[in-house]
PDB file of N, CA and C in Angstrom:
ATOM      1  N   MET A   1       0.841  -1.176   0.000  1.00  0.00           N
ATOM      2  CA  MET A   1       0.000   0.000   0.000  1.00  0.00           C
ATOM      3  C   MET A   1       0.885   1.237   0.000  1.00  0.00           C
ATOM      4  N   GLY A   2       0.514   2.271  -0.779  1.00  0.00           N
ATOM      5  CA  GLY A   2       1.294   3.487  -0.882  1.00  0.00           C
ATOM      6  C   GLY A   2       0.991   4.458   0.246  1.00  0.00           C
ATOM      7  N   THR A   3       1.576   5.609   0.110  1.00  0.00           N
ATOM      8  CA  THR A   3       1.351   6.657   1.098  1.00  0.00           C
ATOM      9  C   THR A   3       0.029   7.363   0.821  1.00  0.00           C
ATOM     10  N   THR A   4      -0.398   8.147   1.781  1.00  0.00           N
ATOM     11  CA  THR A   4      -1.614   8.943   1.593  1.00  0.00           C
ATOM     12  C   THR A   4      -1.278  10.410   1.791  1.00  0.00           C
ATOM     13  N   ARG A   5      -2.132  11.266   1.308  1.00  0.00           N
ATOM     14  CA  ARG A   5      -1.976  12.704   1.460  1.00  0.00           C
ATOM     15  C   ARG A   5      -3.337  13.289   1.819  1.00  0.00           C
ATOM     16  N   GLN A   6      -3.363  14.173   2.782  1.00  0.00           N
ATOM     17  CA  GLN A   6      -4.612  14.847   3.126  1.00  0.00           C
ATOM     18  C   GLN A   6      -4.781  16.059   2.225  1.00  0.00           C
ATOM     19  N   LEU A   7      -5.955  16.158   1.627  1.00  0.00           N
ATOM     20  CA  LEU A   7      -6.300  17.285   0.766  1.00  0.00           C
ATOM     21  C   LEU A   7      -7.625  17.875   1.249  1.00  0.00           C
ATOM     22  N   THR A   8      -7.919  19.065   0.788  1.00  0.00           N
ATOM     23  CA  THR A   8      -9.136  19.764   1.183  1.00  0.00           C
ATOM     24  C   THR A   8     -10.260  19.473   0.201  1.00  0.00           C
ATOM     25  N   ALA A   9     -11.462  19.285   0.720  1.00  0.00           N
ATOM     26  CA  ALA A   9     -12.650  19.152  -0.122  1.00  0.00           C
ATOM     27  C   ALA A   9     -13.644  20.221   0.304  1.00  0.00           C
ATOM     28  N   VAL A  10     -14.008  21.091  -0.627  1.00  0.00           N
ATOM     29  CA  VAL A  10     -15.025  22.113  -0.393  1.00  0.00           C
ATOM     30  C   VAL A  10     -16.248  21.681  -1.190  1.00  0.00           C
ATOM     31  N   ILE A  11     -17.359  21.474  -0.497  1.00  0.00           N
ATOM     32  CA  ILE A  11     -18.564  20.954  -1.149  1.00  0.00           C
ATOM     33  C   ILE A  11     -19.682  21.969  -0.999  1.00  0.00           C
ATOM     34  N   GLY A  12     -20.304  22.299  -2.115  1.00  0.00           N
ATOM     35  CA  GLY A  12     -21.420  23.241  -2.110  1.00  0.00           C
ATOM     36  C   GLY A  12     -22.520  22.772  -3.032  1.00  0.00           C
ATOM     37  N   ARG A  13     -23.697  23.269  -2.778  1.00  0.00           N
ATOM     38  CA  ARG A  13     -24.846  22.900  -3.596  1.00  0.00           C
ATOM     39  C   ARG A  13     -24.941  23.829  -4.801  1.00  0.00           C
ATOM     40  N   GLU A  14     -25.156  23.252  -5.960  1.00  0.00           N
ATOM     41  CA  GLU A  14     -25.398  24.005  -7.184  1.00  0.00           C
ATOM     42  C   GLU A  14     -26.600  23.398  -7.876  1.00  0.00           C
ATOM     43  N   ASP A  15     -27.685  24.140  -7.900  1.00  0.00           N
ATOM     44  CA  ASP A  15     -28.957  23.663  -8.448  1.00  0.00           C
ATOM     45  C   ASP A  15     -29.359  22.359  -7.759  1.00  0.00           C
ATOM     46  N   ASN A  16     -29.459  21.261  -8.502  1.00  0.00           N
ATOM     47  CA  ASN A  16     -29.911  19.989  -7.931  1.00  0.00           C
ATOM     48  C   ASN A  16     -28.770  19.024  -7.640  1.00  0.00           C
ATOM     49  N   ALA A  17     -27.544  19.522  -7.573  1.00  0.00           N
ATOM     50  CA  ALA A  17     -26.393  18.652  -7.338  1.00  0.00           C
ATOM     51  C   ALA A  17     -25.462  19.299  -6.329  1.00  0.00           C
ATOM     52  N   TYR A  18     -24.509  18.523  -5.856  1.00  0.00           N
ATOM     53  CA  TYR A  18     -23.454  19.022  -4.976  1.00  0.00           C
ATOM     54  C   TYR A  18     -22.143  18.956  -5.748  1.00  0.00           C
ATOM     55  N   VAL A  19     -21.388  20.033  -5.687  1.00  0.00           N
ATOM     56  CA  VAL A  19     -20.098  20.099  -6.368  1.00  0.00           C
ATOM     57  C   VAL A  19     -19.013  20.058  -5.308  1.00  0.00           C
ATOM     58  N   ALA A  20     -18.045  19.181  -5.499  1.00  0.00           N
ATOM     59  CA  ALA A  20     -16.921  19.031  -4.578  1.00  0.00           C
ATOM     60  C   ALA A  20     -15.659  19.489  -5.290  1.00  0.00           C
ATOM     61  N   LEU A  21     -14.915  20.374  -4.638  1.00  0.00           N
ATOM     62  CA  LEU A  21     -13.696  20.933  -5.215  1.00  0.00           C
ATOM     63  C   LEU A  21     -12.519  20.684  -4.289  1.00  0.00           C
ATOM     64  N   CYS A  22     -11.414  20.271  -4.856  1.00  0.00           N
ATOM     65  CA  CYS A  22     -10.148  20.178  -4.140  1.00  0.00           C
ATOM     66  C   CYS A  22      -9.310  21.367  -4.591  1.00  0.00           C
ATOM     67  N   PRO A  23      -9.214  22.421  -3.755  1.00  0.00           N
ATOM     68  CA  PRO A  23      -8.492  23.615  -4.194  1.00  0.00           C
ATOM     69  C   PRO A  23      -6.984  23.411  -4.347  1.00  0.00           C
ATOM     70  N   GLU A  24      -6.396  22.449  -3.642  1.00  0.00           N
ATOM     71  CA  GLU A  24      -4.960  22.217  -3.781  1.00  0.00           C
ATOM     72  C   GLU A  24      -4.569  21.814  -5.200  1.00  0.00           C
ATOM     73  N   LEU A  25      -5.425  21.062  -5.877  1.00  0.00           N
ATOM     74  CA  LEU A  25      -5.120  20.581  -7.223  1.00  0.00           C
ATOM     75  C   LEU A  25      -6.080  21.120  -8.273  1.00  0.00           C
ATOM     76  N   ASP A  26      -7.061  21.916  -7.848  1.00  0.00           N
ATOM     77  CA  ASP A  26      -8.078  22.473  -8.749  1.00  0.00           C
ATOM     78  C   ASP A  26      -8.773  21.368  -9.536  1.00  0.00           C
ATOM     79  N   ILE A  27      -9.229  20.362  -8.799  1.00  0.00           N
ATOM     80  CA  ILE A  27      -9.974  19.251  -9.381  1.00  0.00           C
ATOM     81  C   ILE A  27     -11.346  19.226  -8.720  1.00  0.00           C
ATOM     82  N   ALA A  28     -12.377  19.014  -9.535  1.00  0.00           N
ATOM     83  CA  ALA A  28     -13.741  19.021  -9.016  1.00  0.00           C
ATOM     84  C   ALA A  28     -14.505  17.811  -9.521  1.00  0.00           C
ATOM     85  N   SER A  29     -15.575  17.498  -8.798  1.00  0.00           N
ATOM     86  CA  SER A  29     -16.493  16.448  -9.197  1.00  0.00           C
ATOM     87  C   SER A  29     -17.860  16.830  -8.643  1.00  0.00           C
ATOM     88  N   GLN A  30     -18.843  15.978  -8.859  1.00  0.00           N
ATOM     89  CA  GLN A  30     -20.182  16.296  -8.358  1.00  0.00           C
ATOM     90  C   GLN A  30     -20.938  15.023  -8.042  1.00  0.00           C
ATOM     91  N   GLY A  31     -22.084  15.196  -7.393  1.00  0.00           N
ATOM     92  CA  GLY A  31     -22.946  14.066  -7.065  1.00  0.00           C
ATOM     93  C   GLY A  31     -24.287  14.562  -6.581  1.00  0.00           C
ATOM     94  N   ASP A  32     -25.237  13.636  -6.467  1.00  0.00           N
ATOM     95  CA  ASP A  32     -26.589  13.984  -6.037  1.00  0.00           C
ATOM     96  C   ASP A  32     -26.677  14.284  -4.544  1.00  0.00           C
ATOM     97  N   THR A  33     -25.707  13.784  -3.763  1.00  0.00           N
ATOM     98  CA  THR A  33     -25.660  14.048  -2.327  1.00  0.00           C
ATOM     99  C   THR A  33     -24.251  14.494  -1.969  1.00  0.00           C
ATOM    100  N   VAL A  34     -24.105  15.023  -0.758  1.00  0.00           N
ATOM    101  CA  VAL A  34     -22.781  15.434  -0.292  1.00  0.00           C
ATOM    102  C   VAL A  34     -21.828  14.248  -0.302  1.00  0.00           C
ATOM    103  N   GLU A  35     -22.277  13.112   0.212  1.00  0.00           N
ATOM    104  CA  GLU A  35     -21.404  11.938   0.295  1.00  0.00           C
ATOM    105  C   GLU A  35     -21.017  11.416  -1.091  1.00  0.00           C
ATOM    106  N   VAL A  36     -21.946  11.421  -2.033  1.00  0.00           N
ATOM    107  CA  VAL A  36     -21.622  10.965  -3.391  1.00  0.00           C
ATOM    108  C   VAL A  36     -20.639  11.939  -4.038  1.00  0.00           C
ATOM    109  N   ALA A  37     -20.838  13.226  -3.850  1.00  0.00           N
ATOM    110  CA  ALA A  37     -19.901  14.214  -4.398  1.00  0.00           C
ATOM    111  C   ALA A  37     -18.516  14.018  -3.799  1.00  0.00           C
ATOM    112  N   ARG A  38     -18.454  13.747  -2.502  1.00  0.00           N
ATOM    113  CA  ARG A  38     -17.174  13.514  -1.816  1.00  0.00           C
ATOM    114  C   ARG A  38     -16.480  12.274  -2.373  1.00  0.00           C
ATOM    115  N   ARG A  39     -17.230  11.180  -2.504  1.00  0.00           N
ATOM    116  CA  ARG A  39     -16.647   9.948  -3.054  1.00  0.00           C
ATOM    117  C   ARG A  39     -16.173  10.143  -4.492  1.00  0.00           C
ATOM    118  N   ASN A  40     -16.968  10.861  -5.281  1.00  0.00           N
ATOM    119  CA  ASN A  40     -16.584  11.111  -6.671  1.00  0.00           C
ATOM    120  C   ASN A  40     -15.324  11.973  -6.751  1.00  0.00           C
ATOM    121  N   LEU A  41     -15.183  12.926  -5.831  1.00  0.00           N
ATOM    122  CA  LEU A  41     -13.972  13.745  -5.804  1.00  0.00           C
ATOM    123  C   LEU A  41     -12.760  12.893  -5.456  1.00  0.00           C
ATOM    124  N   ILE A  42     -12.910  12.019  -4.477  1.00  0.00           N
ATOM    125  CA  ILE A  42     -11.805  11.124  -4.111  1.00  0.00           C
ATOM    126  C   ILE A  42     -11.398  10.286  -5.319  1.00  0.00           C
ATOM    127  N   GLU A  43     -12.358   9.756  -6.032  1.00  0.00           N
ATOM    128  CA  GLU A  43     -12.055   8.953  -7.224  1.00  0.00           C
ATOM    129  C   GLU A  43     -11.338   9.792  -8.274  1.00  0.00           C
ATOM    130  N   ALA A  44     -11.807  11.015  -8.510  1.00  0.00           N
ATOM    131  CA  ALA A  44     -11.163  11.889  -9.498  1.00  0.00           C
ATOM    132  C   ALA A  44      -9.734  12.217  -9.088  1.00  0.00           C
ATOM    133  N   LEU A  45      -9.523  12.464  -7.797  1.00  0.00           N
ATOM    134  CA  LEU A  45      -8.174  12.748  -7.306  1.00  0.00           C
ATOM    135  C   LEU A  45      -7.266  11.533  -7.458  1.00  0.00           C
ATOM    136  N   GLU A  46      -7.778  10.345  -7.115  1.00  0.00           N
ATOM    137  CA  GLU A  46      -6.981   9.127  -7.259  1.00  0.00           C
ATOM    138  C   GLU A  46      -6.585   8.913  -8.713  1.00  0.00           C
ATOM    139  N   LEU A  47      -7.525   9.092  -9.624  1.00  0.00           N
ATOM    140  CA  LEU A  47      -7.229   8.900 -11.044  1.00  0.00           C
ATOM    141  C   LEU A  47      -6.197   9.908 -11.525  1.00  0.00           C
ATOM    142  N   PHE A  48      -6.339  11.159 -11.097  1.00  0.00           N
ATOM    143  CA  PHE A  48      -5.360  12.170 -11.485  1.00  0.00           C
ATOM    144  C   PHE A  48      -3.972  11.826 -10.970  1.00  0.00           C
ATOM    145  N   LEU A  49      -3.892  11.501  -9.675  1.00  0.00           N
ATOM    146  CA  LEU A  49      -2.585  11.228  -9.071  1.00  0.00           C
ATOM    147  C   LEU A  49      -1.938   9.960  -9.624  1.00  0.00           C
ATOM    148  N   GLU A  50      -2.751   8.997 -10.061  1.00  0.00           N
ATOM    149  CA  GLU A  50      -2.218   7.772 -10.652  1.00  0.00           C
ATOM    150  C   GLU A  50      -1.688   8.005 -12.067  1.00  0.00           C
ATOM    151  N   SER A  51      -2.313   8.902 -12.805  1.00  0.00           N
ATOM    152  CA  SER A  51      -1.991   9.036 -14.221  1.00  0.00           C
ATOM    153  C   SER A  51      -1.170  10.273 -14.576  1.00  0.00           C
ATOM    154  N   ALA A  52      -1.171  11.281 -13.740  1.00  0.00           N
ATOM    155  CA  ALA A  52      -0.470  12.523 -14.076  1.00  0.00           C
ATOM    156  C   ALA A  52       1.029  12.376 -13.895  1.00  0.00           C
ATOM    157  N   ASP A  53       1.745  13.044 -14.734  1.00  0.00           N
ATOM    158  CA  ASP A  53       3.194  13.117 -14.612  1.00  0.00           C
ATOM    159  C   ASP A  53       3.531  13.885 -13.327  1.00  0.00           C
ATOM    160  N   PRO A  54       4.562  13.474 -12.612  1.00  0.00           N
ATOM    161  CA  PRO A  54       4.922  14.163 -11.355  1.00  0.00           C
ATOM    162  C   PRO A  54       5.136  15.670 -11.521  1.00  0.00           C
ATOM    163  N   THR A  55       5.620  16.099 -12.684  1.00  0.00           N
ATOM    164  CA  THR A  55       5.795  17.541 -12.887  1.00  0.00           C
ATOM    165  C   THR A  55       4.442  18.252 -12.981  1.00  0.00           C
ATOM    166  N   GLU A  56       3.450  17.575 -13.547  1.00  0.00           N
ATOM    167  CA  GLU A  56       2.095  18.147 -13.603  1.00  0.00           C
ATOM    168  C   GLU A  56       1.501  18.272 -12.205  1.00  0.00           C
ATOM    169  N   VAL A  57       1.689  17.234 -11.392  1.00  0.00           N
ATOM    170  CA  VAL A  57       1.196  17.282 -10.017  1.00  0.00           C
ATOM    171  C   VAL A  57       1.880  18.427  -9.275  1.00  0.00           C
ATOM    172  N   SER A  58       3.172  18.534  -9.409  1.00  0.00           N
ATOM    173  CA  SER A  58       3.933  19.580  -8.732  1.00  0.00           C
ATOM    174  C   SER A  58       3.501  20.969  -9.194  1.00  0.00           C
ATOM    175  N   ARG A  59       3.259  21.121 -10.476  1.00  0.00           N
ATOM    176  CA  ARG A  59       2.848  22.413 -11.035  1.00  0.00           C
ATOM    177  C   ARG A  59       1.482  22.842 -10.513  1.00  0.00           C
ATOM    178  N   ARG A  60       0.577  21.888 -10.393  1.00  0.00           N
ATOM    179  CA  ARG A  60      -0.797  22.209  -9.988  1.00  0.00           C
ATOM    180  C   ARG A  60      -0.984  22.282  -8.484  1.00  0.00           C
ATOM    181  N   LEU A  61      -0.104  21.663  -7.728  1.00  0.00           N
ATOM    182  CA  LEU A  61      -0.304  21.545  -6.290  1.00  0.00           C
ATOM    183  C   LEU A  61      -0.062  22.871  -5.573  1.00  0.00           C
ATOM    184  N   HIS A  62      -1.094  23.367  -4.917  1.00  0.00           N
ATOM    185  CA  HIS A  62      -1.000  24.565  -4.073  1.00  0.00           C
ATOM    186  C   HIS A  62      -0.797  24.068  -2.650  1.00  0.00           C
ATOM    187  N   SER A  63       0.363  24.340  -2.094  1.00  0.00           N
ATOM    188  CA  SER A  63       0.674  23.780  -0.772  1.00  0.00           C
ATOM    189  C   SER A  63      -0.049  24.480   0.362  1.00  0.00           C
ATOM    190  N   GLU A  64      -0.455  25.730   0.166  1.00  0.00           N
ATOM    191  CA  GLU A  64      -1.178  26.445   1.227  1.00  0.00           C
ATOM    192  C   GLU A  64      -2.573  26.797   0.743  1.00  0.00           C
ATOM    193  N   VAL A  65      -3.562  26.257   1.426  1.00  0.00           N
ATOM    194  CA  VAL A  65      -4.966  26.560   1.137  1.00  0.00           C
ATOM    195  C   VAL A  65      -5.617  26.921   2.451  1.00  0.00           C
ATOM    196  N   PHE A  66      -6.297  28.051   2.475  1.00  0.00           N
ATOM    197  CA  PHE A  66      -6.959  28.502   3.691  1.00  0.00           C
ATOM    198  C   PHE A  66      -8.458  28.548   3.442  1.00  0.00           C
ATOM    199  N   VAL A  67      -9.210  27.851   4.274  1.00  0.00           N
ATOM    200  CA  VAL A  67     -10.667  27.840   4.179  1.00  0.00           C
ATOM    201  C   VAL A  67     -11.183  28.604   5.379  1.00  0.00           C
ATOM    202  N   THR A  68     -11.916  29.666   5.115  1.00  0.00           N
ATOM    203  CA  THR A  68     -12.435  30.500   6.192  1.00  0.00           C
ATOM    204  C   THR A  68     -13.741  31.125   5.750  1.00  0.00           C
ATOM    205  N   ARG A  69     -14.419  31.741   6.682  1.00  0.00           N
ATOM    206  CA  ARG A  69     -15.648  32.464   6.366  1.00  0.00           C
ATOM    207  C   ARG A  69     -15.360  33.950   6.520  1.00  0.00           C
ATOM    208  N   VAL A  70     -16.008  34.761   5.722  1.00  0.00           N
ATOM    209  CA  VAL A  70     -15.873  36.210   5.814  1.00  0.00           C
ATOM    210  C   VAL A  70     -17.240  36.837   5.956  1.00  0.00           C
ATOM    211  N   GLU A  71     -17.290  37.993   6.579  1.00  0.00           N
ATOM    212  CA  GLU A  71     -18.540  38.739   6.733  1.00  0.00           C
ATOM    213  C   GLU A  71     -18.478  39.952   5.829  1.00  0.00           C
ATOM    214  N   VAL A  72     -19.494  40.121   4.985  1.00  0.00           N
ATOM    215  CA  VAL A  72     -19.526  41.186   4.003  1.00  0.00           C
ATOM    216  C   VAL A  72     -20.808  41.974   4.164  1.00  0.00           C
ATOM    217  N   PRO A  73     -20.742  43.312   4.216  1.00  0.00           N
ATOM    218  CA  PRO A  73     -21.967  44.097   4.299  1.00  0.00           C
ATOM    219  C   PRO A  73     -22.780  43.973   3.008  1.00  0.00           C
ATOM    220  N   VAL A  74     -24.079  43.878   3.145  1.00  0.00           N
ATOM    221  CA  VAL A  74     -24.974  43.743   2.000  1.00  0.00           C
ATOM    222  C   VAL A  74     -25.990  44.888   2.054  1.00  0.00           C
ATOM    223  N   GLY A  75     -26.147  45.575   0.924  1.00  0.00           N
ATOM    224  CA  GLY A  75     -27.152  46.622   0.836  1.00  0.00           C
ATOM    225  C   GLY A  75     -26.759  47.980   1.239  1.00  0.00           C
TER     226      GLY A  75
END
């Protein structure tokens, strides 16, 4: 078994589906539920990491990703 890497998954609802995004690699997937979107993102990430050239992974990989909430005045 190989090594593992922790990546970020940001999941949001868009119309009738959930979109899951990994900002470190800018890879996204979707599903009918949060869990399906999450599983589909994991599969997309695995396929990318298995098939991409190491230089492509290195080029796309953002080592620092910050997920936070902001408050913005409206109106």
